[in-house]
Amino acid sequence: MRCAGSFASGRVLLITLVLAGCANTSDPRAVANATRINFDPYSQLTSVWAATVIGSDFPNSISYDLRAGIPTRGQSFLQLYVRYWSQLGWYFLSSASDVEGTVLPLVQIDRNVDQSANVEEIVGVTLSRDYLENHKSSGLNIRIAGQRGSVVVKVPGAYVAGFLARFDDALAQSGAPKKADVGDRQAERKGLGPPTPTPPHIKYETLPPEMLRK
């Protein structure tokens, strides 16, 4: 399921995704119902994907969703997964912080160029279960910055709440440890996410392909 958003733009240096008023982001139950849970027996990993939200500000576009990985043994991770497409060139997105000044771990997942020279940057902002719980009412307001510009992603609280409801269901069913966070060395070694805080250098090489890229 996808839901269109609108942009308030400063075209080169700042693009803000505004999502308020979009049906499947304003109702936690609708978000929960649209969130997919899948178990991969080969990796022993349960993946949780919220519905993708997309927006457009010609000639650029951006999408996001919340996702999580719950291994049968080991620590879970949660992430804001962001894809940014541009006809204006690379931003080289490399860091993230929220509107309160909290620095958040960022993983550079992929970069691509199509035949028309449009660029795509895919990043993940690693979040803790407690962080999301504390933003179920206010929502997320995160700036992802790079050498040549930045993108502000605003996620409604209802979207966060709906995703967390499904994540908690999946966590309970999996039998995994109840504390879902990424701040330990075991998670780092397994490629499940960087400890907090740390430079964005962790690769997700042990995750199944569907968790690396959509």
Protein backbone atom coordinates (compact mmCIF):
# COMPACT_ATOMS: atom_id res chain seq x y z
CA MET A 1 0.00 0.00 0.00
CA ARG A 2 1.27 3.43 -0.86
CA CYS A 3 0.12 6.83 0.21
CA ALA A 4 1.05 10.04 -1.54
CA GLY A 5 2.44 12.97 0.37
CA SER A 6 3.17 16.54 -0.64
CA PHE A 7 6.36 18.54 -0.57
CA ALA A 8 7.13 21.97 0.75
CA SER A 9 10.32 22.67 -1.06
CA GLY A 10 13.53 24.53 -1.06
CA ARG A 11 14.54 22.58 -4.07
CA VAL A 12 18.28 22.05 -3.73
CA LEU A 13 19.12 22.36 -0.05
CA LEU A 14 15.95 21.25 1.69
CA ILE A 15 12.99 19.07 0.79
CA THR A 16 10.35 18.46 3.45
CA LEU A 17 7.89 15.59 3.17
CA VAL A 18 4.56 16.55 4.69
CA LEU A 19 2.26 13.63 5.46
CA ALA A 20 -0.57 14.97 7.61
CA GLY A 21 -4.07 14.24 6.34
CA CYS A 22 -3.13 11.11 4.41
CA ALA A 23 -5.64 8.35 5.21
CA ASN A 24 -3.31 5.45 5.87
CA THR A 25 -1.01 7.51 8.09
CA SER A 26 -3.63 9.17 10.29
CA ASP A 27 -5.34 6.02 11.62
CA PRO A 28 -3.16 3.68 13.72
CA ARG A 29 -5.47 0.73 13.02
CA ALA A 30 -5.21 1.26 9.26
CA VAL A 31 -1.42 1.47 9.52
CA ALA A 32 -1.31 -1.69 11.63
CA ASN A 33 -3.55 -3.57 9.18
CA ALA A 34 -1.31 -2.55 6.28
CA THR A 35 1.92 -3.58 8.05
CA ARG A 36 3.31 -6.89 6.78
CA ILE A 37 4.96 -9.57 8.89
CA ASN A 38 7.06 -12.28 7.27
CA PHE A 39 9.21 -15.04 8.73
CA ASP A 40 12.21 -16.35 6.77
CA PRO A 41 13.12 -19.83 8.06
CA TYR A 42 16.54 -19.75 6.38
CA SER A 43 17.75 -16.67 8.24
CA GLN A 44 15.44 -17.27 11.24
CA LEU A 45 14.40 -13.63 10.94
CA THR A 46 10.93 -12.11 11.24
CA SER A 47 10.62 -8.92 9.19
CA VAL A 48 8.02 -6.23 9.86
CA TRP A 49 7.28 -3.66 7.12
CA ALA A 50 4.86 -0.74 7.40
CA ALA A 51 3.13 0.59 4.30
CA THR A 52 5.33 2.79 2.10
CA VAL A 53 4.52 6.50 2.06
CA ILE A 54 5.60 8.45 -1.03
CA GLY A 55 5.67 12.10 -2.01
CA SER A 56 6.65 14.15 -5.02
CA ASP A 57 8.15 17.56 -5.69
CA PHE A 58 8.92 17.58 -9.40
CA PRO A 59 11.48 16.57 -10.48
CA ASN A 60 12.35 14.82 -7.20
CA SER A 61 10.55 12.29 -5.04
CA ILE A 62 11.02 10.52 -1.73
CA SER A 63 9.49 7.61 0.13
CA TYR A 64 9.74 6.16 3.61
CA ASP A 65 8.51 3.34 5.76
CA LEU A 66 9.23 1.93 9.19
CA ARG A 67 10.66 -1.58 9.28
CA ALA A 68 12.04 -4.02 11.82
CA GLY A 69 14.00 -7.25 11.96
CA ILE A 70 13.41 -9.76 14.76
CA PRO A 71 15.91 -12.65 14.82
CA THR A 72 14.94 -15.85 16.62
CA ARG A 73 18.08 -15.44 18.71
CA GLY A 74 19.68 -12.04 19.20
CA GLN A 75 18.65 -8.42 19.36
CA SER A 76 15.94 -6.84 17.23
CA PHE A 77 16.39 -3.63 15.24
CA LEU A 78 14.00 -0.91 14.08
CA GLN A 79 14.64 1.50 11.26
CA LEU A 80 13.20 4.38 9.27
CA TYR A 81 13.89 3.33 5.66
CA VAL A 82 14.16 6.28 3.25
CA ARG A 83 14.55 6.34 -0.55
CA TYR A 84 15.30 9.64 -2.28
CA TRP A 85 15.23 10.12 -6.06
CA SER A 86 16.66 13.25 -7.69
CA GLN A 87 17.31 14.73 -11.11
CA LEU A 88 19.49 17.35 -9.43
CA GLY A 89 22.37 15.09 -8.44
CA TRP A 90 23.67 13.45 -5.30
CA TYR A 91 23.14 14.79 -1.81
CA PHE A 92 25.53 12.15 -0.40
CA LEU A 93 23.23 11.63 2.59
CA SER A 94 25.35 10.58 5.55
CA SER A 95 23.91 11.75 8.90
CA ALA A 96 20.61 12.14 10.72
CA SER A 97 19.26 14.12 13.66
CA ASP A 98 15.81 14.95 14.95
CA VAL A 99 14.18 18.32 15.62
CA GLU A 100 15.27 18.12 19.27
CA GLY A 101 18.93 17.84 18.26
CA THR A 102 19.30 14.13 18.96
CA VAL A 103 21.89 12.54 16.66
CA LEU A 104 20.56 9.27 15.21
CA PRO A 105 22.64 6.45 13.66
CA LEU A 106 22.35 6.35 9.86
CA VAL A 107 23.20 3.49 7.52
CA GLN A 108 23.96 4.17 3.85
CA ILE A 109 22.20 1.23 2.19
CA ASP A 110 22.50 1.84 -1.57
CA ARG A 111 23.08 4.38 -4.34
CA ASN A 112 21.95 3.98 -7.94
CA VAL A 113 21.92 5.86 -11.25
CA ASP A 114 19.39 5.04 -13.99
CA GLN A 115 19.77 5.39 -17.77
CA SER A 116 18.49 8.97 -17.63
CA ALA A 117 21.14 9.91 -15.04
CA ASN A 118 18.56 10.25 -12.26
CA VAL A 119 20.06 9.29 -8.91
CA GLU A 120 18.64 7.29 -6.04
CA GLU A 121 19.95 7.27 -2.47
CA ILE A 122 18.68 4.72 0.06
CA VAL A 123 19.42 5.16 3.75
CA GLY A 124 18.19 3.77 7.04
CA VAL A 125 17.89 5.69 10.30
CA THR A 126 18.24 3.26 13.20
CA LEU A 127 15.75 3.88 16.03
CA SER A 128 15.14 2.22 19.38
CA ARG A 129 11.81 0.83 20.58
CA ASP A 130 11.82 3.40 23.40
CA TYR A 131 12.46 6.25 20.94
CA LEU A 132 9.46 5.26 18.83
CA GLU A 133 7.30 4.79 21.93
CA ASN A 134 8.15 8.33 23.04
CA HIS A 135 7.11 9.69 19.62
CA LYS A 136 3.75 7.95 19.18
CA SER A 137 1.96 11.23 19.87
CA SER A 138 4.30 13.81 18.35
CA GLY A 139 5.51 11.71 15.44
CA LEU A 140 9.01 11.79 13.95
CA ASN A 141 10.71 14.90 12.57
CA ILE A 142 14.12 13.86 11.25
CA ARG A 143 16.59 15.67 9.04
CA ILE A 144 18.86 13.52 6.89
CA ALA A 145 21.84 15.57 5.73
CA GLY A 146 24.60 15.22 3.19
CA GLN A 147 27.37 17.19 1.54
CA ARG A 148 25.06 18.90 -0.97
CA GLY A 149 21.71 19.15 0.75
CA SER A 150 19.32 17.64 3.25
CA VAL A 151 15.89 16.03 3.44
CA VAL A 152 13.44 16.46 6.32
CA VAL A 153 11.09 13.51 6.86
CA LYS A 154 8.02 14.01 9.05
CA VAL A 155 6.23 10.85 10.15
CA PRO A 156 2.80 11.17 11.84
CA GLY A 157 2.40 9.79 15.34
CA ALA A 158 -0.46 7.57 14.21
CA TYR A 159 1.83 5.89 11.68
CA VAL A 160 4.40 5.23 14.43
CA ALA A 161 1.72 3.89 16.80
CA GLY A 162 0.23 1.57 14.19
CA PHE A 163 3.62 0.17 13.24
CA LEU A 164 4.58 -0.41 16.90
CA ALA A 165 1.36 -2.32 17.53
CA ARG A 166 2.24 -4.78 14.76
CA PHE A 167 5.89 -4.89 15.80
CA ASP A 168 4.90 -5.83 19.35
CA ASP A 169 2.59 -8.55 17.97
CA ALA A 170 5.44 -9.98 15.89
CA LEU A 171 7.87 -9.75 18.81
CA ALA A 172 5.50 -11.63 21.12
CA GLN A 173 4.92 -14.36 18.52
CA SER A 174 8.61 -14.78 17.74
CA GLY A 175 9.71 -15.56 21.27
CA ALA A 176 12.65 -13.15 20.81
CA PRO A 177 13.94 -11.01 23.70
CA LYS A 178 11.34 -8.42 24.64
CA LYS A 179 13.71 -5.45 24.67
CA ALA A 180 13.99 -4.37 21.04
CA ASP A 181 16.99 -2.11 20.71
CA VAL A 182 20.23 -2.05 18.75
CA GLY A 183 22.65 -0.78 21.34
CA ASP A 184 24.75 -3.92 21.85
CA ARG A 185 27.84 -5.48 20.30
CA GLN A 186 26.09 -8.72 19.47
CA ALA A 187 23.74 -6.87 17.13
CA GLU A 188 26.69 -5.08 15.56
CA ARG A 189 28.54 -8.34 14.87
CA LYS A 190 25.47 -9.86 13.27
CA GLY A 191 24.92 -6.85 11.06
CA LEU A 192 21.55 -6.09 12.65
CA GLY A 193 22.35 -2.49 13.40
CA PRO A 194 24.94 -0.14 14.85
CA PRO A 195 25.23 0.58 18.55
CA THR A 196 24.18 4.06 19.63
CA PRO A 197 25.92 6.35 18.94
CA THR A 198 28.35 5.26 16.23
CA PRO A 199 29.46 6.40 12.77
CA PRO A 200 27.28 5.05 9.94
CA HIS A 201 29.59 2.22 8.89
CA ILE A 202 27.63 -0.93 9.71
CA LYS A 203 26.61 -3.09 6.76
CA TYR A 204 23.54 -5.33 6.87
CA GLU A 205 25.26 -8.20 5.08
CA THR A 206 23.62 -10.98 7.11
CA LEU A 207 20.05 -9.88 6.46
CA PRO A 208 17.96 -11.49 3.70
CA PRO A 209 17.74 -9.50 0.42
CA GLU A 210 14.21 -8.27 1.08
CA MET A 211 15.41 -6.50 4.21
CA LEU A 212 18.30 -4.85 2.42
CA ARG A 213 16.25 -3.29 -0.35
CA LYS A 214 12.65 -3.04 -1.48
